[in-house]
Amino acid sequence: MIFWIGFILMVLNEGFVIMRHVHPWFATKREALMAKLGSKWKIVHGLADTLWIALVSIGFAVNLSNWKVYVIALLIFWGSALFFVYVPKLIKIILKAND
């Protein structure tokens, strides 16, 4: 259960950051949140990162028998972000540079 709480926090925290590359609505909301929080934005985001990493790590350590399921869940999330968001973004940058 600890792993899944950390995983959900990761999806919410990192998903919001990743989605800014996909849709302007998320970019606008992120900018508004950063403007509202000011320099505290980095602290809030850093604490959320630290919390999800800690929970995911503790979840692994407490329930090592499910490590394959945990690794697959992480690979699906981060692999999807890489394949559907960052690779297309990189291709656009490369194509634009070659114009």
C-alpha atoms as a PDB file:
ATOM      1  CA  MET A   1       0.000   0.000   0.000  1.00  0.00           C
ATOM      2  CA  ILE A   2       2.877   2.389   0.775  1.00  0.00           C
ATOM      3  CA  PHE A   3       4.247   1.990  -2.750  1.00  0.00           C
ATOM      4  CA  TRP A   4       0.866   2.778  -4.328  1.00  0.00           C
ATOM      5  CA  ILE A   5       0.393   5.917  -2.239  1.00  0.00           C
ATOM      6  CA  GLY A   6       3.818   7.082  -3.402  1.00  0.00           C
ATOM      7  CA  PHE A   7       3.004   6.064  -6.966  1.00  0.00           C
ATOM      8  CA  ILE A   8      -0.242   8.064  -6.986  1.00  0.00           C
ATOM      9  CA  LEU A   9       1.570  11.079  -5.550  1.00  0.00           C
ATOM     10  CA  MET A  10       4.222  10.662  -8.272  1.00  0.00           C
ATOM     11  CA  VAL A  11       1.593  10.525 -11.019  1.00  0.00           C
ATOM     12  CA  LEU A  12      -0.148  13.640  -9.705  1.00  0.00           C
ATOM     13  CA  ASN A  13       3.056  15.597  -9.103  1.00  0.00           C
ATOM     14  CA  GLU A  14       5.053  14.591 -12.162  1.00  0.00           C
ATOM     15  CA  GLY A  15       2.035  14.136 -14.407  1.00  0.00           C
ATOM     16  CA  PHE A  16       1.082  17.770 -13.939  1.00  0.00           C
ATOM     17  CA  VAL A  17       4.641  18.848 -14.768  1.00  0.00           C
ATOM     18  CA  ILE A  18       4.834  16.543 -17.807  1.00  0.00           C
ATOM     19  CA  MET A  19       1.432  17.589 -19.151  1.00  0.00           C
ATOM     20  CA  ARG A  20       2.577  21.197 -19.519  1.00  0.00           C
ATOM     21  CA  HIS A  21       4.414  19.986 -22.619  1.00  0.00           C
ATOM     22  CA  VAL A  22       1.241  18.479 -24.049  1.00  0.00           C
ATOM     23  CA  HIS A  23      -1.482  21.048 -23.521  1.00  0.00           C
ATOM     24  CA  PRO A  24      -1.398  24.807 -22.925  1.00  0.00           C
ATOM     25  CA  TRP A  25      -4.048  24.541 -20.184  1.00  0.00           C
ATOM     26  CA  PHE A  26      -1.604  22.641 -17.966  1.00  0.00           C
ATOM     27  CA  ALA A  27       1.196  25.090 -18.779  1.00  0.00           C
ATOM     28  CA  THR A  28      -1.061  28.004 -17.833  1.00  0.00           C
ATOM     29  CA  LYS A  29      -2.157  26.342 -14.589  1.00  0.00           C
ATOM     30  CA  ARG A  30       1.466  25.572 -13.701  1.00  0.00           C
ATOM     31  CA  GLU A  31       2.531  29.152 -14.390  1.00  0.00           C
ATOM     32  CA  ALA A  32      -0.364  30.458 -12.258  1.00  0.00           C
ATOM     33  CA  LEU A  33       0.603  28.149  -9.412  1.00  0.00           C
ATOM     34  CA  MET A  34       4.244  29.228  -9.668  1.00  0.00           C
ATOM     35  CA  ALA A  35       3.195  32.901  -9.660  1.00  0.00           C
ATOM     36  CA  LYS A  36       0.938  32.353  -6.643  1.00  0.00           C
ATOM     37  CA  LEU A  37       3.559  30.480  -4.621  1.00  0.00           C
ATOM     38  CA  GLY A  38       6.584  32.448  -5.817  1.00  0.00           C
ATOM     39  CA  SER A  39       9.866  30.998  -4.606  1.00  0.00           C
ATOM     40  CA  LYS A  40       7.915  28.563  -2.397  1.00  0.00           C
ATOM     41  CA  TRP A  41       7.048  26.673  -5.605  1.00  0.00           C
ATOM     42  CA  LYS A  42      10.439  24.953  -5.629  1.00  0.00           C
ATOM     43  CA  ILE A  43      10.049  23.966  -1.989  1.00  0.00           C
ATOM     44  CA  VAL A  44       6.552  22.522  -2.520  1.00  0.00           C
ATOM     45  CA  HIS A  45       7.585  20.636  -5.646  1.00  0.00           C
ATOM     46  CA  GLY A  46      10.806  19.430  -4.020  1.00  0.00           C
ATOM     47  CA  LEU A  47       8.936  18.184  -0.958  1.00  0.00           C
ATOM     48  CA  ALA A  48       6.406  16.383  -3.152  1.00  0.00           C
ATOM     49  CA  ASP A  49       9.289  14.780  -5.110  1.00  0.00           C
ATOM     50  CA  THR A  50      11.020  13.745  -1.898  1.00  0.00           C
ATOM     51  CA  LEU A  51       7.798  12.329  -0.463  1.00  0.00           C
ATOM     52  CA  TRP A  52       6.867  10.206  -3.483  1.00  0.00           C
ATOM     53  CA  ILE A  53      10.429   8.925  -3.872  1.00  0.00           C
ATOM     54  CA  ALA A  54      10.536   8.020  -0.172  1.00  0.00           C
ATOM     55  CA  LEU A  55       7.142   6.296  -0.253  1.00  0.00           C
ATOM     56  CA  VAL A  56       7.957   4.345  -3.418  1.00  0.00           C
ATOM     57  CA  SER A  57      11.323   3.294  -1.944  1.00  0.00           C
ATOM     58  CA  ILE A  58       9.825   2.310   1.405  1.00  0.00           C
ATOM     59  CA  GLY A  59       7.083   0.433  -0.447  1.00  0.00           C
ATOM     60  CA  PHE A  60       9.738  -1.562  -2.290  1.00  0.00           C
ATOM     61  CA  ALA A  61      11.619  -2.313   0.937  1.00  0.00           C
ATOM     62  CA  VAL A  62       8.538  -3.306   2.936  1.00  0.00           C
ATOM     63  CA  ASN A  63       7.024  -5.539   0.274  1.00  0.00           C
ATOM     64  CA  LEU A  64       9.919  -6.854  -1.769  1.00  0.00           C
ATOM     65  CA  SER A  65       7.847  -9.793  -3.008  1.00  0.00           C
ATOM     66  CA  ASN A  66       5.937  -7.427  -5.350  1.00  0.00           C
ATOM     67  CA  TRP A  67       9.025  -5.761  -6.822  1.00  0.00           C
ATOM     68  CA  LYS A  68       8.201  -6.919 -10.373  1.00  0.00           C
ATOM     69  CA  VAL A  69       4.754  -5.314 -10.243  1.00  0.00           C
ATOM     70  CA  TYR A  70       6.271  -2.109  -8.877  1.00  0.00           C
ATOM     71  CA  VAL A  71       8.960  -1.980 -11.561  1.00  0.00           C
ATOM     72  CA  ILE A  72       6.375  -2.597 -14.292  1.00  0.00           C
ATOM     73  CA  ALA A  73       4.151   0.207 -12.935  1.00  0.00           C
ATOM     74  CA  LEU A  74       7.094   2.639 -12.887  1.00  0.00           C
ATOM     75  CA  LEU A  75       8.236   1.581 -16.360  1.00  0.00           C
ATOM     76  CA  ILE A  76       4.740   2.024 -17.776  1.00  0.00           C
ATOM     77  CA  PHE A  77       4.419   5.540 -16.339  1.00  0.00           C
ATOM     78  CA  TRP A  78       7.899   6.805 -17.192  1.00  0.00           C
ATOM     79  CA  GLY A  79       8.045   4.869 -20.481  1.00  0.00           C
ATOM     80  CA  SER A  80       4.734   6.432 -21.532  1.00  0.00           C
ATOM     81  CA  ALA A  81       6.010   9.895 -20.623  1.00  0.00           C
ATOM     82  CA  LEU A  82       9.165   9.291 -22.625  1.00  0.00           C
ATOM     83  CA  PHE A  83       7.464   7.718 -25.636  1.00  0.00           C
ATOM     84  CA  PHE A  84       4.363   9.919 -25.883  1.00  0.00           C
ATOM     85  CA  VAL A  85       5.689  13.276 -24.635  1.00  0.00           C
ATOM     86  CA  TYR A  86       9.446  13.674 -24.683  1.00  0.00           C
ATOM     87  CA  VAL A  87      10.398  11.729 -27.839  1.00  0.00           C
ATOM     88  CA  PRO A  88       7.840  13.610 -29.981  1.00  0.00           C
ATOM     89  CA  LYS A  89       9.030  16.879 -28.414  1.00  0.00           C
ATOM     90  CA  LEU A  90      12.630  15.978 -29.265  1.00  0.00           C
ATOM     91  CA  ILE A  91      11.653  15.060 -32.830  1.00  0.00           C
ATOM     92  CA  LYS A  92       9.912  18.427 -33.254  1.00  0.00           C
ATOM     93  CA  ILE A  93      12.999  20.240 -31.983  1.00  0.00           C
ATOM     94  CA  ILE A  94      15.253  18.298 -34.342  1.00  0.00           C
ATOM     95  CA  LEU A  95      12.968  18.848 -37.330  1.00  0.00           C
ATOM     96  CA  LYS A  96      12.647  22.544 -36.544  1.00  0.00           C
ATOM     97  CA  ALA A  97      16.454  22.870 -36.293  1.00  0.00           C
ATOM     98  CA  ASN A  98      16.828  21.275 -39.730  1.00  0.00           C
ATOM     99  CA  ASP A  99      14.456  23.728 -41.422  1.00  0.00           C
END
